[in-house]
């Protein structure tokens, strides 16, 4: 499981802070699942507005199995690792 931090910058309008999920080769991976919620088809770009907290993002295959889970943590902090500019 990969972990990383996303900084939500209070100086950037919330409407401009987004993360895009994209697969290079979806193969049998069919759905994006974030915190148990189906975000849509893995063959499509999915745009997510980060919210503070720990999250779990996975790809679900056509057999209903989870693959490639990552655990981003979003926080409201000017000094974090990554600043989002949308």
C-alpha atoms as a PDB file:
ATOM      1  CA  UNK A   1       0.000   0.000   0.000  1.00  0.00           C
ATOM      2  CA  UNK A   2       1.480   3.347  -1.047  1.00  0.00           C
ATOM      3  CA  UNK A   3       1.030   6.373   1.206  1.00  0.00           C
ATOM      4  CA  UNK A   4       1.436  10.037   0.398  1.00  0.00           C
ATOM      5  CA  UNK A   5       0.350  13.435   1.642  1.00  0.00           C
ATOM      6  CA  UNK A   6      -1.721  15.995  -0.235  1.00  0.00           C
ATOM      7  CA  UNK A   7      -1.655  19.566   1.062  1.00  0.00           C
ATOM      8  CA  UNK A   8      -4.846  21.559   0.774  1.00  0.00           C
ATOM      9  CA  UNK A   9      -3.553  25.125   0.503  1.00  0.00           C
ATOM     10  CA  UNK A  10      -5.839  27.669   2.203  1.00  0.00           C
ATOM     11  CA  UNK A  11      -4.473  30.392  -0.114  1.00  0.00           C
ATOM     12  CA  UNK A  12      -5.735  28.622  -3.254  1.00  0.00           C
ATOM     13  CA  UNK A  13      -9.479  28.607  -3.951  1.00  0.00           C
ATOM     14  CA  UNK A  14     -11.011  25.204  -3.176  1.00  0.00           C
ATOM     15  CA  UNK A  15     -12.484  25.130  -6.688  1.00  0.00           C
ATOM     16  CA  UNK A  16      -8.911  25.059  -8.098  1.00  0.00           C
ATOM     17  CA  UNK A  17      -7.627  22.155  -6.002  1.00  0.00           C
ATOM     18  CA  UNK A  18      -8.282  18.782  -7.651  1.00  0.00           C
ATOM     19  CA  UNK A  19      -6.620  15.389  -8.105  1.00  0.00           C
ATOM     20  CA  UNK A  20      -7.063  13.417 -11.350  1.00  0.00           C
ATOM     21  CA  UNK A  21      -7.087   9.611 -11.282  1.00  0.00           C
ATOM     22  CA  UNK A  22      -6.099   7.860 -14.511  1.00  0.00           C
ATOM     23  CA  UNK A  23      -4.957   4.347 -15.414  1.00  0.00           C
ATOM     24  CA  UNK A  24      -2.388   3.763 -18.154  1.00  0.00           C
ATOM     25  CA  UNK A  25      -3.750   0.361 -19.117  1.00  0.00           C
ATOM     26  CA  UNK A  26      -7.006  -0.529 -17.417  1.00  0.00           C
ATOM     27  CA  UNK A  27      -7.007  -4.131 -18.668  1.00  0.00           C
ATOM     28  CA  UNK A  28      -9.463  -5.925 -16.398  1.00  0.00           C
ATOM     29  CA  UNK A  29      -9.526  -3.038 -13.875  1.00  0.00           C
ATOM     30  CA  UNK A  30     -13.009  -1.638 -14.066  1.00  0.00           C
ATOM     31  CA  UNK A  31     -13.836   0.783 -11.209  1.00  0.00           C
ATOM     32  CA  UNK A  32     -12.221   3.482  -9.021  1.00  0.00           C
ATOM     33  CA  UNK A  33     -13.163   3.014  -5.338  1.00  0.00           C
ATOM     34  CA  UNK A  34     -12.429   5.808  -2.822  1.00  0.00           C
ATOM     35  CA  UNK A  35     -13.249   5.174   0.834  1.00  0.00           C
ATOM     36  CA  UNK A  36     -15.752   2.504  -0.214  1.00  0.00           C
ATOM     37  CA  UNK A  37     -17.500   4.777  -2.726  1.00  0.00           C
ATOM     38  CA  UNK A  38     -17.558   3.941  -6.440  1.00  0.00           C
ATOM     39  CA  UNK A  39     -16.166   6.972  -8.309  1.00  0.00           C
ATOM     40  CA  UNK A  40     -16.671   5.595 -11.793  1.00  0.00           C
ATOM     41  CA  UNK A  41     -15.084   3.625 -14.588  1.00  0.00           C
ATOM     42  CA  UNK A  42     -11.324   3.016 -14.536  1.00  0.00           C
ATOM     43  CA  UNK A  43     -11.316   3.708 -18.277  1.00  0.00           C
ATOM     44  CA  UNK A  44     -12.362   7.327 -17.586  1.00  0.00           C
ATOM     45  CA  UNK A  45     -10.488  10.206 -15.965  1.00  0.00           C
ATOM     46  CA  UNK A  46     -11.881  10.776 -12.489  1.00  0.00           C
ATOM     47  CA  UNK A  47     -11.488  14.184 -10.833  1.00  0.00           C
ATOM     48  CA  UNK A  48     -11.558  14.311  -7.033  1.00  0.00           C
ATOM     49  CA  UNK A  49     -11.751  17.327  -4.725  1.00  0.00           C
ATOM     50  CA  UNK A  50      -9.485  16.368  -1.812  1.00  0.00           C
ATOM     51  CA  UNK A  51     -10.998  16.564   1.654  1.00  0.00           C
ATOM     52  CA  UNK A  52      -8.960  16.560   4.888  1.00  0.00           C
ATOM     53  CA  UNK A  53      -8.355  13.113   6.349  1.00  0.00           C
ATOM     54  CA  UNK A  54      -6.940   9.701   5.529  1.00  0.00           C
ATOM     55  CA  UNK A  55      -8.333   7.974   2.467  1.00  0.00           C
ATOM     56  CA  UNK A  56      -8.095   4.680   0.608  1.00  0.00           C
ATOM     57  CA  UNK A  57      -8.138   4.574  -3.203  1.00  0.00           C
ATOM     58  CA  UNK A  58      -8.312   1.249  -5.033  1.00  0.00           C
ATOM     59  CA  UNK A  59      -8.953  -0.182  -8.455  1.00  0.00           C
ATOM     60  CA  UNK A  60     -11.555  -2.936  -8.606  1.00  0.00           C
ATOM     61  CA  UNK A  61     -11.237  -5.635 -11.270  1.00  0.00           C
ATOM     62  CA  UNK A  62     -14.068  -7.232 -13.215  1.00  0.00           C
ATOM     63  CA  UNK A  63     -14.029 -10.155 -10.750  1.00  0.00           C
ATOM     64  CA  UNK A  64     -14.711  -7.866  -7.798  1.00  0.00           C
ATOM     65  CA  UNK A  65     -11.153  -7.969  -6.392  1.00  0.00           C
ATOM     66  CA  UNK A  66      -9.259  -4.867  -5.236  1.00  0.00           C
ATOM     67  CA  UNK A  67      -5.895  -3.949  -6.789  1.00  0.00           C
ATOM     68  CA  UNK A  68      -3.320  -1.171  -6.456  1.00  0.00           C
ATOM     69  CA  UNK A  69      -4.582   0.401  -3.246  1.00  0.00           C
ATOM     70  CA  UNK A  70      -3.027   3.700  -2.162  1.00  0.00           C
ATOM     71  CA  UNK A  71      -3.720   5.669   1.001  1.00  0.00           C
ATOM     72  CA  UNK A  72      -3.486   9.425   0.483  1.00  0.00           C
ATOM     73  CA  UNK A  73      -3.809  11.733   3.469  1.00  0.00           C
ATOM     74  CA  UNK A  74      -5.143  15.219   2.778  1.00  0.00           C
ATOM     75  CA  UNK A  75      -4.474  17.993   5.227  1.00  0.00           C
ATOM     76  CA  UNK A  76      -4.928  21.703   5.485  1.00  0.00           C
ATOM     77  CA  UNK A  77      -1.307  22.788   5.749  1.00  0.00           C
ATOM     78  CA  UNK A  78       0.914  25.250   3.887  1.00  0.00           C
ATOM     79  CA  UNK A  79       4.091  23.304   4.571  1.00  0.00           C
ATOM     80  CA  UNK A  80       3.097  19.794   3.460  1.00  0.00           C
ATOM     81  CA  UNK A  81       4.728  17.794   0.723  1.00  0.00           C
ATOM     82  CA  UNK A  82       2.542  18.617  -2.287  1.00  0.00           C
ATOM     83  CA  UNK A  83       0.579  21.757  -3.140  1.00  0.00           C
ATOM     84  CA  UNK A  84      -2.400  21.279  -5.396  1.00  0.00           C
ATOM     85  CA  UNK A  85      -2.832  23.709  -8.249  1.00  0.00           C
ATOM     86  CA  UNK A  86      -5.830  22.814 -10.378  1.00  0.00           C
END
